[in-house]
C-alpha atoms as a PDB file:
ATOM      1  CA  MET A   1     -24.480 -29.109  24.368  1.00  0.00           C
ATOM      2  CA  ASN A   2     -27.522 -30.849  22.265  1.00  0.00           C
ATOM      3  CA  THR A   3     -29.759 -27.898  22.505  1.00  0.00           C
ATOM      4  CA  ASP A   4     -32.549 -30.545  22.544  1.00  0.00           C
ATOM      5  CA  ASN A   5     -31.775 -31.513  26.091  1.00  0.00           C
ATOM      6  CA  CYS A   6     -32.027 -28.178  27.448  1.00  0.00           C
ATOM      7  CA  CYS A   7     -34.451 -24.701  28.533  1.00  0.00           C
ATOM      8  CA  THR A   8     -33.686 -23.140  25.264  1.00  0.00           C
ATOM      9  CA  ILE A   9     -34.302 -19.798  27.454  1.00  0.00           C
ATOM     10  CA  SER A  10     -31.031 -20.374  29.164  1.00  0.00           C
ATOM     11  CA  CYS A  11     -29.103 -23.857  27.870  1.00  0.00           C
ATOM     12  CA  GLU A  12     -27.313 -24.369  31.417  1.00  0.00           C
ATOM     13  CA  ASN A  13     -30.746 -25.681  32.944  1.00  0.00           C
ATOM     14  CA  PRO A  14     -31.657 -29.054  31.422  1.00  0.00           C
ATOM     15  CA  LEU A  15     -35.346 -29.808  31.350  1.00  0.00           C
ATOM     16  CA  ASP A  16     -35.497 -32.386  34.269  1.00  0.00           C
ATOM     17  CA  LYS A  17     -36.796 -33.041  37.436  1.00  0.00           C
ATOM     18  CA  GLN A  18     -34.792 -29.881  38.601  1.00  0.00           C
ATOM     19  CA  TYR A  19     -36.013 -27.851  36.363  1.00  0.00           C
ATOM     20  CA  TRP A  20     -39.685 -28.308  35.929  1.00  0.00           C
ATOM     21  CA  ASP A  21     -39.612 -28.156  40.283  1.00  0.00           C
ATOM     22  CA  ALA A  22     -37.864 -25.034  40.509  1.00  0.00           C
ATOM     23  CA  GLN A  23     -40.470 -23.546  38.195  1.00  0.00           C
ATOM     24  CA  TYR A  24     -42.790 -24.490  40.606  1.00  0.00           C
ATOM     25  CA  GLN A  25     -40.996 -23.421  43.545  1.00  0.00           C
ATOM     26  CA  ALA A  26     -40.811 -19.793  42.057  1.00  0.00           C
ATOM     27  CA  ASN A  27     -44.194 -19.847  40.562  1.00  0.00           C
ATOM     28  CA  ASN A  28     -42.916 -19.353  37.564  1.00  0.00           C
ATOM     29  CA  THR A  29     -46.105 -21.114  35.658  1.00  0.00           C
ATOM     30  CA  ALA A  30     -46.754 -19.054  32.431  1.00  0.00           C
ATOM     31  CA  TRP A  31     -48.632 -21.904  30.678  1.00  0.00           C
ATOM     32  CA  ASP A  32     -50.925 -22.278  33.513  1.00  0.00           C
ATOM     33  CA  ILE A  33     -54.217 -20.627  32.361  1.00  0.00           C
ATOM     34  CA  GLY A  34     -56.234 -21.447  36.084  1.00  0.00           C
ATOM     35  CA  THR A  35     -58.711 -23.514  34.372  1.00  0.00           C
ATOM     36  CA  VAL A  36     -59.498 -26.140  32.379  1.00  0.00           C
ATOM     37  CA  SER A  37     -58.998 -25.702  28.657  1.00  0.00           C
ATOM     38  CA  PRO A  38     -62.103 -25.296  27.227  1.00  0.00           C
ATOM     39  CA  PRO A  39     -61.756 -27.925  24.410  1.00  0.00           C
ATOM     40  CA  ILE A  40     -60.894 -30.827  27.036  1.00  0.00           C
ATOM     41  CA  GLN A  41     -63.674 -29.242  28.809  1.00  0.00           C
ATOM     42  CA  SER A  42     -66.053 -29.858  26.291  1.00  0.00           C
ATOM     43  CA  TYR A  43     -64.287 -33.370  25.588  1.00  0.00           C
ATOM     44  CA  ILE A  44     -65.205 -34.186  29.220  1.00  0.00           C
ATOM     45  CA  ASP A  45     -68.542 -33.487  29.252  1.00  0.00           C
ATOM     46  CA  THR A  46     -68.750 -36.270  26.233  1.00  0.00           C
ATOM     47  CA  ILE A  47     -67.794 -38.692  28.508  1.00  0.00           C
ATOM     48  CA  GLU A  48     -70.923 -41.433  29.848  1.00  0.00           C
ATOM     49  CA  ASP A  49     -69.010 -43.296  31.927  1.00  0.00           C
ATOM     50  CA  LYS A  50     -67.612 -42.169  34.776  1.00  0.00           C
ATOM     51  CA  SER A  51     -65.368 -45.415  36.025  1.00  0.00           C
ATOM     52  CA  ILE A  52     -63.182 -45.079  33.277  1.00  0.00           C
ATOM     53  CA  ARG A  53     -59.195 -45.529  34.258  1.00  0.00           C
ATOM     54  CA  ILE A  54     -57.973 -42.125  33.599  1.00  0.00           C
ATOM     55  CA  LEU A  55     -54.183 -40.607  33.484  1.00  0.00           C
ATOM     56  CA  ILE A  56     -53.083 -37.060  33.029  1.00  0.00           C
ATOM     57  CA  PRO A  57     -49.244 -37.063  32.761  1.00  0.00           C
ATOM     58  CA  GLY A  58     -47.063 -34.107  33.252  1.00  0.00           C
ATOM     59  CA  CYS A  59     -50.905 -32.755  35.363  1.00  0.00           C
ATOM     60  CA  GLY A  60     -49.711 -29.632  36.322  1.00  0.00           C
ATOM     61  CA  ASN A  61     -52.056 -27.488  38.300  1.00  0.00           C
ATOM     62  CA  SER A  62     -54.358 -30.252  37.327  1.00  0.00           C
ATOM     63  CA  TYR A  63     -57.601 -27.850  36.384  1.00  0.00           C
ATOM     64  CA  GLU A  64     -58.719 -31.262  34.617  1.00  0.00           C
ATOM     65  CA  ALA A  65     -58.619 -33.303  37.354  1.00  0.00           C
ATOM     66  CA  GLU A  66     -60.701 -30.796  39.100  1.00  0.00           C
ATOM     67  CA  TYR A  67     -63.312 -30.902  36.404  1.00  0.00           C
ATOM     68  CA  LEU A  68     -63.449 -34.351  36.287  1.00  0.00           C
ATOM     69  CA  LEU A  69     -64.294 -34.971  39.848  1.00  0.00           C
ATOM     70  CA  GLN A  70     -66.397 -31.967  39.453  1.00  0.00           C
ATOM     71  CA  LYS A  71     -68.573 -34.120  37.067  1.00  0.00           C
ATOM     72  CA  GLY A  72     -68.284 -37.267  38.814  1.00  0.00           C
ATOM     73  CA  PHE A  73     -64.891 -39.509  37.555  1.00  0.00           C
ATOM     74  CA  THR A  74     -64.001 -41.861  40.360  1.00  0.00           C
ATOM     75  CA  ASN A  75     -60.644 -42.997  38.771  1.00  0.00           C
ATOM     76  CA  VAL A  76     -58.168 -40.175  38.113  1.00  0.00           C
ATOM     77  CA  THR A  77     -54.215 -40.787  38.772  1.00  0.00           C
ATOM     78  CA  LEU A  78     -51.859 -37.368  37.805  1.00  0.00           C
ATOM     79  CA  ILE A  79     -48.663 -38.034  37.368  1.00  0.00           C
ATOM     80  CA  ASP A  80     -45.699 -35.331  37.416  1.00  0.00           C
ATOM     81  CA  ILE A  81     -42.026 -35.179  38.564  1.00  0.00           C
ATOM     82  CA  ALA A  82     -41.852 -32.064  40.092  1.00  0.00           C
ATOM     83  CA  PRO A  83     -42.027 -32.690  43.725  1.00  0.00           C
ATOM     84  CA  LYS A  84     -42.838 -29.038  45.043  1.00  0.00           C
ATOM     85  CA  LEU A  85     -45.979 -29.688  42.550  1.00  0.00           C
ATOM     86  CA  ILE A  86     -47.218 -32.994  44.251  1.00  0.00           C
ATOM     87  CA  GLU A  87     -46.892 -31.452  47.573  1.00  0.00           C
ATOM     88  CA  ASN A  88     -49.565 -28.761  46.180  1.00  0.00           C
ATOM     89  CA  LEU A  89     -51.894 -31.484  44.754  1.00  0.00           C
ATOM     90  CA  GLN A  90     -51.813 -33.696  47.681  1.00  0.00           C
ATOM     91  CA  LYS A  91     -53.150 -30.510  49.578  1.00  0.00           C
ATOM     92  CA  LYS A  92     -55.156 -29.592  46.770  1.00  0.00           C
ATOM     93  CA  PHE A  93     -57.223 -32.538  46.841  1.00  0.00           C
ATOM     94  CA  ASP A  94     -56.779 -33.488  50.685  1.00  0.00           C
ATOM     95  CA  LYS A  95     -56.634 -37.063  50.084  1.00  0.00           C
ATOM     96  CA  ASN A  96     -60.000 -37.865  47.843  1.00  0.00           C
ATOM     97  CA  PRO A  97     -60.480 -41.493  47.304  1.00  0.00           C
ATOM     98  CA  ASN A  98     -61.137 -41.074  43.413  1.00  0.00           C
ATOM     99  CA  ILE A  99     -57.888 -39.590  42.627  1.00  0.00           C
ATOM    100  CA  THR A 100     -54.452 -40.763  42.900  1.00  0.00           C
ATOM    101  CA  ILE A 101     -51.336 -38.892  42.991  1.00  0.00           C
ATOM    102  CA  VAL A 102     -47.927 -39.725  41.907  1.00  0.00           C
ATOM    103  CA  LEU A 103     -44.510 -38.296  42.054  1.00  0.00           C
ATOM    104  CA  GLY A 104     -42.653 -40.105  39.478  1.00  0.00           C
ATOM    105  CA  ASP A 105     -40.881 -39.902  35.625  1.00  0.00           C
ATOM    106  CA  PHE A 106     -44.084 -41.017  32.912  1.00  0.00           C
ATOM    107  CA  PHE A 107     -41.649 -42.787  31.125  1.00  0.00           C
ATOM    108  CA  GLU A 108     -40.933 -45.260  34.502  1.00  0.00           C
ATOM    109  CA  HIS A 109     -44.965 -44.944  35.155  1.00  0.00           C
ATOM    110  CA  GLN A 110     -46.451 -48.920  34.707  1.00  0.00           C
ATOM    111  CA  GLY A 111     -50.562 -48.990  35.004  1.00  0.00           C
ATOM    112  CA  GLU A 112     -53.181 -49.326  32.097  1.00  0.00           C
ATOM    113  CA  TYR A 113     -55.504 -46.615  31.349  1.00  0.00           C
ATOM    114  CA  ASP A 114     -58.918 -46.466  29.350  1.00  0.00           C
ATOM    115  CA  LEU A 115     -57.780 -42.787  28.907  1.00  0.00           C
ATOM    116  CA  ILE A 116     -54.881 -40.604  28.713  1.00  0.00           C
ATOM    117  CA  ILE A 117     -55.194 -36.374  28.434  1.00  0.00           C
ATOM    118  CA  GLU A 118     -53.016 -34.484  26.739  1.00  0.00           C
ATOM    119  CA  GLN A 119     -52.409 -30.879  28.428  1.00  0.00           C
ATOM    120  CA  THR A 120     -49.046 -29.008  27.921  1.00  0.00           C
ATOM    121  CA  PHE A 121     -47.031 -32.445  28.590  1.00  0.00           C
ATOM    122  CA  PHE A 122     -46.130 -33.107  25.277  1.00  0.00           C
ATOM    123  CA  CYS A 123     -45.131 -29.809  24.553  1.00  0.00           C
ATOM    124  CA  ALA A 124     -42.827 -29.393  27.615  1.00  0.00           C
ATOM    125  CA  LEU A 125     -40.757 -32.719  26.864  1.00  0.00           C
ATOM    126  CA  PRO A 126     -37.366 -31.806  24.474  1.00  0.00           C
ATOM    127  CA  PRO A 127     -38.471 -32.944  20.937  1.00  0.00           C
ATOM    128  CA  PHE A 128     -36.088 -36.098  21.353  1.00  0.00           C
ATOM    129  CA  LEU A 129     -38.449 -37.493  23.877  1.00  0.00           C
ATOM    130  CA  ARG A 130     -41.522 -37.532  20.757  1.00  0.00           C
ATOM    131  CA  GLN A 131     -40.819 -41.174  19.736  1.00  0.00           C
ATOM    132  CA  ARG A 132     -40.971 -42.460  23.686  1.00  0.00           C
ATOM    133  CA  TYR A 133     -43.928 -40.846  23.951  1.00  0.00           C
ATOM    134  CA  VAL A 134     -45.826 -42.901  21.424  1.00  0.00           C
ATOM    135  CA  TRP A 135     -44.453 -46.012  22.822  1.00  0.00           C
ATOM    136  CA  LYS A 136     -45.100 -45.393  26.319  1.00  0.00           C
ATOM    137  CA  MET A 137     -48.599 -43.746  25.239  1.00  0.00           C
ATOM    138  CA  HIS A 138     -49.464 -47.104  23.490  1.00  0.00           C
ATOM    139  CA  GLN A 139     -47.934 -48.907  26.445  1.00  0.00           C
ATOM    140  CA  LEU A 140     -50.245 -47.651  28.968  1.00  0.00           C
ATOM    141  CA  LEU A 141     -53.256 -47.801  27.156  1.00  0.00           C
ATOM    142  CA  SER A 142     -55.782 -50.596  27.475  1.00  0.00           C
ATOM    143  CA  GLN A 143     -57.432 -52.021  24.630  1.00  0.00           C
ATOM    144  CA  LYS A 144     -59.937 -49.925  23.727  1.00  0.00           C
ATOM    145  CA  GLY A 145     -57.649 -46.494  25.206  1.00  0.00           C
ATOM    146  CA  ILE A 146     -58.052 -43.291  24.151  1.00  0.00           C
ATOM    147  CA  LEU A 147     -55.093 -40.540  24.075  1.00  0.00           C
ATOM    148  CA  ALA A 148     -57.411 -37.436  23.499  1.00  0.00           C
ATOM    149  CA  GLY A 149     -56.168 -33.433  24.067  1.00  0.00           C
ATOM    150  CA  LEU A 150     -53.906 -30.608  22.512  1.00  0.00           C
ATOM    151  CA  LEU A 151     -51.351 -29.893  20.619  1.00  0.00           C
ATOM    152  CA  PHE A 152     -49.589 -27.220  19.507  1.00  0.00           C
ATOM    153  CA  ASN A 153     -49.984 -26.024  16.137  1.00  0.00           C
ATOM    154  CA  THR A 154     -47.498 -23.666  15.563  1.00  0.00           C
ATOM    155  CA  THR A 155     -43.320 -22.700  16.012  1.00  0.00           C
ATOM    156  CA  PHE A 156     -42.143 -21.257  19.151  1.00  0.00           C
ATOM    157  CA  GLU A 157     -38.904 -18.485  18.702  1.00  0.00           C
ATOM    158  CA  VAL A 158     -38.007 -19.624  22.461  1.00  0.00           C
ATOM    159  CA  SER A 159     -39.159 -22.989  24.151  1.00  0.00           C
ATOM    160  CA  PRO A 160     -40.590 -24.940  26.164  1.00  0.00           C
ATOM    161  CA  PRO A 161     -43.119 -24.948  25.058  1.00  0.00           C
ATOM    162  CA  PHE A 162     -42.082 -26.790  21.761  1.00  0.00           C
ATOM    163  CA  GLY A 163     -44.437 -26.631  19.085  1.00  0.00           C
ATOM    164  CA  GLY A 164     -44.926 -28.650  15.428  1.00  0.00           C
ATOM    165  CA  SER A 165     -47.540 -28.940  13.130  1.00  0.00           C
ATOM    166  CA  LYS A 166     -50.227 -31.384  11.887  1.00  0.00           C
ATOM    167  CA  ALA A 167     -48.070 -32.880   8.965  1.00  0.00           C
ATOM    168  CA  GLU A 168     -45.315 -34.056  11.940  1.00  0.00           C
ATOM    169  CA  TYR A 169     -47.841 -35.514  14.361  1.00  0.00           C
ATOM    170  CA  GLU A 170     -49.243 -37.534  11.484  1.00  0.00           C
ATOM    171  CA  LEU A 171     -45.839 -39.255  10.698  1.00  0.00           C
ATOM    172  CA  LEU A 172     -45.561 -39.291  14.263  1.00  0.00           C
ATOM    173  CA  PHE A 173     -48.445 -41.130  15.998  1.00  0.00           C
ATOM    174  CA  LYS A 174     -49.273 -43.088  12.256  1.00  0.00           C
ATOM    175  CA  ASP A 175     -50.129 -46.799  12.496  1.00  0.00           C
ATOM    176  CA  ALA A 176     -49.539 -46.762  16.355  1.00  0.00           C
ATOM    177  CA  PHE A 177     -52.995 -45.069  16.584  1.00  0.00           C
ATOM    178  CA  ARG A 178     -56.309 -44.918  15.030  1.00  0.00           C
ATOM    179  CA  PHE A 179     -56.770 -41.117  14.056  1.00  0.00           C
ATOM    180  CA  LEU A 180     -60.361 -40.299  15.159  1.00  0.00           C
ATOM    181  CA  HIS A 181     -59.882 -36.323  15.254  1.00  0.00           C
ATOM    182  CA  LEU A 182     -56.891 -34.359  14.748  1.00  0.00           C
ATOM    183  CA  GLU A 183     -58.323 -30.820  13.894  1.00  0.00           C
ATOM    184  CA  PRO A 184     -57.851 -27.203  14.807  1.00  0.00           C
ATOM    185  CA  CYS A 185     -59.723 -26.296  17.866  1.00  0.00           C
ATOM    186  CA  MET A 186     -62.338 -23.657  16.989  1.00  0.00           C
ATOM    187  CA  ASN A 187     -62.764 -23.169  20.966  1.00  0.00           C
ATOM    188  CA  SER A 188     -59.114 -22.307  22.330  1.00  0.00           C
ATOM    189  CA  ILE A 189     -58.422 -19.558  24.873  1.00  0.00           C
ATOM    190  CA  PRO A 190     -57.981 -15.989  22.883  1.00  0.00           C
ATOM    191  CA  GLN A 191     -54.545 -16.398  23.809  1.00  0.00           C
ATOM    192  CA  ARG A 192     -54.147 -19.715  22.097  1.00  0.00           C
ATOM    193  CA  ALA A 193     -56.769 -19.289  19.099  1.00  0.00           C
ATOM    194  CA  ASN A 194     -55.732 -20.811  15.729  1.00  0.00           C
ATOM    195  CA  SER A 195     -52.548 -22.098  17.281  1.00  0.00           C
ATOM    196  CA  GLU A 196     -54.023 -25.087  19.117  1.00  0.00           C
ATOM    197  CA  LEU A 197     -55.185 -28.779  17.356  1.00  0.00           C
ATOM    198  CA  PHE A 198     -57.718 -31.103  19.314  1.00  0.00           C
ATOM    199  CA  MET A 199     -56.103 -35.125  18.958  1.00  0.00           C
ATOM    200  CA  GLU A 200     -58.254 -37.925  20.030  1.00  0.00           C
ATOM    201  CA  PHE A 201     -56.611 -41.197  18.894  1.00  0.00           C
ATOM    202  CA  LYS A 202     -57.709 -44.790  19.375  1.00  0.00           C
ATOM    203  CA  ARG A 203     -55.211 -47.426  20.617  1.00  0.00           C
ATOM    204  CA  ASN A 204     -54.246 -49.717  17.573  1.00  0.00           C
ATOM    205  CA  ASN A 205     -54.525 -53.084  19.233  1.00  0.00           C
ATOM    206  CA  LEU A 206     -53.740 -54.720  15.698  1.00  0.00           C
ATOM    207  CA  VAL A 207     -49.529 -53.630  15.829  1.00  0.00           C
ATOM    208  CA  PHE A 208     -46.533 -53.925  17.713  1.00  0.00           C
ATOM    209  CA  VAL A 209     -45.062 -50.560  18.906  1.00  0.00           C
ATOM    210  CA  ASN A 210     -41.313 -50.821  19.895  1.00  0.00           C
ATOM    211  CA  LEU A 211     -38.325 -48.583  20.900  1.00  0.00           C
ATOM    212  CA  TYR A 212     -35.034 -49.205  20.481  1.00  0.00           C
ATOM    213  CA  ASN A 213     -31.621 -47.253  20.992  1.00  0.00           C
ATOM    214  CA  PHE A 214     -29.485 -46.750  18.263  1.00  0.00           C
ATOM    215  CA  GLN A 215     -25.832 -46.397  18.146  1.00  0.00           C
ATOM    216  CA  GLY A 216     -23.442 -44.875  15.555  1.00  0.00           C
ATOM    217  CA  MET A 217     -26.272 -42.006  13.749  1.00  0.00           C
ATOM    218  CA  SER A 218     -25.043 -38.908  13.635  1.00  0.00           C
ATOM    219  CA  CYS A 219     -26.707 -36.944  10.920  1.00  0.00           C
ATOM    220  CA  THR A 220     -29.916 -37.014   8.442  1.00  0.00           C
ATOM    221  CA  THR A 221     -28.251 -38.469   5.648  1.00  0.00           C
ATOM    222  CA  CYS A 222     -27.871 -41.205   7.989  1.00  0.00           C
ATOM    223  CA  LYS A 223     -31.201 -41.041   9.197  1.00  0.00           C
ATOM    224  CA  ASP A 224     -33.426 -41.329   5.941  1.00  0.00           C
ATOM    225  CA  ALA A 225     -31.046 -44.009   4.744  1.00  0.00           C
ATOM    226  CA  ILE A 226     -31.514 -45.972   8.120  1.00  0.00           C
ATOM    227  CA  THR A 227     -34.824 -45.260   7.727  1.00  0.00           C
ATOM    228  CA  ASP A 228     -35.124 -46.924   4.441  1.00  0.00           C
ATOM    229  CA  LYS A 229     -33.876 -49.526   5.007  1.00  0.00           C
ATOM    230  CA  PHE A 230     -36.044 -50.389   8.602  1.00  0.00           C
ATOM    231  CA  GLN A 231     -39.162 -49.380   5.962  1.00  0.00           C
ATOM    232  CA  ALA A 232     -38.758 -52.208   3.573  1.00  0.00           C
ATOM    233  CA  ILE A 233     -38.320 -54.862   6.055  1.00  0.00           C
ATOM    234  CA  GLU A 234     -41.373 -57.660   5.592  1.00  0.00           C
ATOM    235  CA  GLY A 235     -44.396 -56.170   8.060  1.00  0.00           C
ATOM    236  CA  VAL A 236     -43.006 -52.588   9.066  1.00  0.00           C
ATOM    237  CA  MET A 237     -45.541 -50.024   8.702  1.00  0.00           C
ATOM    238  CA  ASN A 238     -43.954 -47.078  10.040  1.00  0.00           C
ATOM    239  CA  VAL A 239     -40.375 -46.112  11.240  1.00  0.00           C
ATOM    240  CA  SER A 240     -39.796 -42.894  13.279  1.00  0.00           C
ATOM    241  CA  ILE A 241     -36.019 -41.580  14.447  1.00  0.00           C
ATOM    242  CA  SER A 242     -35.821 -38.955  17.628  1.00  0.00           C
ATOM    243  CA  SER A 243     -34.381 -35.572  16.536  1.00  0.00           C
ATOM    244  CA  ASN A 244     -30.816 -36.882  18.024  1.00  0.00           C
ATOM    245  CA  PHE A 245     -30.825 -39.780  16.219  1.00  0.00           C
ATOM    246  CA  SER A 246     -30.676 -42.036  19.317  1.00  0.00           C
ATOM    247  CA  GLU A 247     -34.076 -44.156  19.445  1.00  0.00           C
ATOM    248  CA  VAL A 248     -35.989 -45.625  17.054  1.00  0.00           C
ATOM    249  CA  LEU A 249     -39.532 -45.968  16.921  1.00  0.00           C
ATOM    250  CA  LEU A 250     -40.925 -49.243  15.150  1.00  0.00           C
ATOM    251  CA  VAL A 251     -44.930 -49.891  14.386  1.00  0.00           C
ATOM    252  CA  SER A 252     -45.133 -53.394  12.603  1.00  0.00           C
ATOM    253  CA  ALA A 253     -47.754 -56.170  11.980  1.00  0.00           C
ATOM    254  CA  HIS A 254     -45.497 -58.649  13.615  1.00  0.00           C
ATOM    255  CA  LYS A 255     -42.280 -58.515  16.062  1.00  0.00           C
ATOM    256  CA  ILE A 256     -39.349 -57.892  13.949  1.00  0.00           C
ATOM    257  CA  PRO A 257     -36.565 -60.130  15.449  1.00  0.00           C
ATOM    258  CA  LEU A 258     -33.619 -57.943  16.871  1.00  0.00           C
ATOM    259  CA  LYS A 259     -31.204 -60.078  14.894  1.00  0.00           C
ATOM    260  CA  LYS A 260     -33.112 -58.928  11.555  1.00  0.00           C
ATOM    261  CA  LEU A 261     -32.747 -55.100  12.458  1.00  0.00           C
ATOM    262  CA  GLN A 262     -29.145 -55.227  13.733  1.00  0.00           C
ATOM    263  CA  SER A 263     -28.319 -57.246   9.664  1.00  0.00           C
ATOM    264  CA  THR A 264     -30.369 -54.715   7.916  1.00  0.00           C
ATOM    265  CA  ILE A 265     -27.815 -51.980   9.367  1.00  0.00           C
ATOM    266  CA  SER A 266     -25.048 -53.931   9.369  1.00  0.00           C
ATOM    267  CA  TYR A 267     -23.291 -52.147   6.376  1.00  0.00           C
ATOM    268  CA  GLU A 268     -21.871 -49.767   9.096  1.00  0.00           C
ATOM    269  CA  ALA A 269     -19.719 -51.334  12.071  1.00  0.00           C
ATOM    270  CA  LYS A 270     -20.586 -48.395  13.585  1.00  0.00           C
ATOM    271  CA  TYR A 271     -24.243 -48.796  14.023  1.00  0.00           C
ATOM    272  CA  ALA A 272     -25.731 -50.682  16.901  1.00  0.00           C
ATOM    273  CA  ILE A 273     -29.522 -51.512  18.063  1.00  0.00           C
ATOM    274  CA  SER A 274     -30.902 -52.731  21.321  1.00  0.00           C
ATOM    275  CA  GLU A 275     -34.582 -52.913  22.423  1.00  0.00           C
ATOM    276  CA  ILE A 276     -35.647 -50.683  25.343  1.00  0.00           C
ATOM    277  CA  ASN A 277     -38.170 -52.667  28.170  1.00  0.00           C
ATOM    278  CA  TYR A 278     -39.769 -50.956  30.920  1.00  0.00           C
END
């Protein structure tokens, strides 16, 4: 079994809609700090335009949304995959006209946002979805859109959450976004002190960010060779391959023809690439 696709507490439980719904049904939400995260609260306090379109993916109990509404923001969207949670949120916000609550898969969501707030969503995803995360964030943000929030700067023996490092994130988001901030948090809650990075990334409008399915790749050696070959294509700025070898994220100065990508890997008959579009 691919352990990236499951809860490493019990690998009989894929990290899917049923898994997360069960956590809320059982009130098993140890990640919930019960209030808006201080670094995000501080960031929200700096935003002057209360009409900007804000999305909070994997929103959980949405203390950030509560704070946004208290501060007068008028266009907040929450999305989560867990039905029980969404039911709770609908009661919590009781048809507030300034908030939209969506039950659904973030990666299938359509829309355009000026700000996307990251709070315990990235770390809840199996690591093989990180390239897809970058692609979807770039897709959902407006021309001047910002992705801001928190990332763990540590690893965990038991997951979720899944951790990472500043160096890893820099490589992952490179060129798709302009890094405004990616620094250790000075005002984390005590339990997370020295383990969080505050991120503020601006969408790079001068590049193409595309995601591809890849068939036939099966090892790190193959991954490194394919990365080098794609990186050598004129116009390619960043290549990132998922941990399960099934998806490739390309950031480029111009759209790379699919035929060019396929010809680049044609030295192995088993390799095939196709673009993901949704």
